[in-house]
Structure formats: C-alpha cells, structure tokens
C-alpha atoms as a PDB file:
ATOM      1  CA  MET A   1       6.584  20.110  -6.496  1.00  0.00           C
ATOM      2  CA  SER A   2       2.851  20.062  -7.145  1.00  0.00           C
ATOM      3  CA  ASN A   3       0.879  16.876  -7.383  1.00  0.00           C
ATOM      4  CA  LEU A   4      -1.871  16.024  -9.843  1.00  0.00           C
ATOM      5  CA  PHE A   5      -3.711  13.661  -7.496  1.00  0.00           C
ATOM      6  CA  LYS A   6      -4.854  14.414  -3.949  1.00  0.00           C
ATOM      7  CA  THR A   7      -5.238  12.211  -0.883  1.00  0.00           C
ATOM      8  CA  GLY A   8      -8.317  10.034  -1.278  1.00  0.00           C
ATOM      9  CA  ASP A   9      -8.410  10.155  -5.090  1.00  0.00           C
ATOM     10  CA  VAL A  10      -9.177   6.839  -6.789  1.00  0.00           C
ATOM     11  CA  VAL A  11      -6.537   6.040  -9.395  1.00  0.00           C
ATOM     12  CA  CYS A  12      -5.112   2.995 -11.152  1.00  0.00           C
ATOM     13  CA  ALA A  13      -1.766   1.946 -12.514  1.00  0.00           C
ATOM     14  CA  LYS A  14      -1.555   2.421 -16.271  1.00  0.00           C
ATOM     15  CA  ALA A  15      -0.132  -1.114 -16.444  1.00  0.00           C
ATOM     16  CA  ASP A  16      -3.138  -2.529 -14.514  1.00  0.00           C
ATOM     17  CA  PRO A  17      -6.182  -0.313 -15.134  1.00  0.00           C
ATOM     18  CA  ALA A  18      -8.719  -2.829 -13.770  1.00  0.00           C
ATOM     19  CA  HIS A  19      -7.585  -2.517 -10.146  1.00  0.00           C
ATOM     20  CA  PRO A  20      -8.460   0.708  -8.301  1.00  0.00           C
ATOM     21  CA  LEU A  21      -6.063   2.303  -5.850  1.00  0.00           C
ATOM     22  CA  VAL A  22      -6.636   5.064  -3.310  1.00  0.00           C
ATOM     23  CA  VAL A  23      -3.967   7.727  -2.932  1.00  0.00           C
ATOM     24  CA  ARG A  24      -2.829   7.750   0.683  1.00  0.00           C
ATOM     25  CA  VAL A  25      -0.092  10.377   0.484  1.00  0.00           C
ATOM     26  CA  PHE A  26       2.178  12.184  -1.971  1.00  0.00           C
ATOM     27  CA  ALA A  27       5.740  12.563  -0.716  1.00  0.00           C
ATOM     28  CA  ARG A  28       9.177  13.023  -2.271  1.00  0.00           C
ATOM     29  CA  GLY A  29       7.731  12.888  -5.772  1.00  0.00           C
ATOM     30  CA  VAL A  30       5.908   9.570  -5.440  1.00  0.00           C
ATOM     31  CA  TYR A  31       2.367   8.474  -4.629  1.00  0.00           C
ATOM     32  CA  TYR A  32       1.764   5.945  -1.869  1.00  0.00           C
ATOM     33  CA  CYS A  33      -1.455   4.081  -2.641  1.00  0.00           C
ATOM     34  CA  ASP A  34      -3.609   1.502  -0.896  1.00  0.00           C
ATOM     35  CA  VAL A  35      -5.528  -1.133  -2.850  1.00  0.00           C
ATOM     36  CA  LYS A  36      -9.183  -0.094  -2.695  1.00  0.00           C
ATOM     37  CA  ASN A  37     -11.343  -2.372  -0.502  1.00  0.00           C
ATOM     38  CA  HIS A  38      -8.312  -4.526   0.400  1.00  0.00           C
ATOM     39  CA  PRO A  39      -6.480  -2.864   3.310  1.00  0.00           C
ATOM     40  CA  GLU A  40      -4.586  -6.088   4.098  1.00  0.00           C
ATOM     41  CA  GLU A  41      -2.657  -5.878   0.804  1.00  0.00           C
ATOM     42  CA  LYS A  42       0.750  -4.251   0.606  1.00  0.00           C
ATOM     43  CA  GLU A  43       0.930  -0.521  -0.117  1.00  0.00           C
ATOM     44  CA  GLN A  44       1.928   0.334  -3.686  1.00  0.00           C
ATOM     45  CA  VAL A  45       4.201   3.182  -4.747  1.00  0.00           C
ATOM     46  CA  TYR A  46       4.038   4.957  -8.120  1.00  0.00           C
ATOM     47  CA  PHE A  47       5.434   7.969  -9.911  1.00  0.00           C
ATOM     48  CA  GLU A  48       2.824  10.354 -11.318  1.00  0.00           C
ATOM     49  CA  ARG A  49       3.523   9.203 -14.885  1.00  0.00           C
ATOM     50  CA  GLU A  50       2.619   5.609 -13.910  1.00  0.00           C
ATOM     51  CA  ILE A  51      -0.939   6.255 -12.682  1.00  0.00           C
ATOM     52  CA  THR A  52      -4.139   7.700 -14.063  1.00  0.00           C
ATOM     53  CA  VAL A  53      -7.695   8.380 -12.889  1.00  0.00           C
ATOM     54  CA  PHE A  54      -9.655   5.154 -12.395  1.00  0.00           C
ATOM     55  CA  ASN A  55     -12.568   4.817 -14.813  1.00  0.00           C
ATOM     56  CA  ARG A  56     -14.990   2.104 -13.827  1.00  0.00           C
ATOM     57  CA  PRO A  57     -15.659  -0.213 -16.829  1.00  0.00           C
END
C-alpha cells in the first residue's frame, strides 16, 4: 500500500483545517500524526481520506 503523505509532512484534518499536524508514521493503512508545536498533546490517527495538505491561511 502506497501512502500519499510522507513522514514530516504538514497536514490537517479535513474536519479541522485550522490545526496543523505533522505526519509521524504511516502504518497499517493509517497516519499517526503529532499536533504541530504541541508535543504534549495526544497523538492523532487518521485514514488518508480524512487528511489533506495544510495550507496556512
């Protein structure tokens, strides 16, 4: 299975496009992301269809 996003890419959830996420790893068909600039927050997990490239407003 190929992945659209690579480790280190800045993405956002389509449901919450104002908050950037950093792709940590792609495994078993899901993306494990850290909240950018907030390492203390809980890791977030998304399917590829749920995220998109982050575009700064």
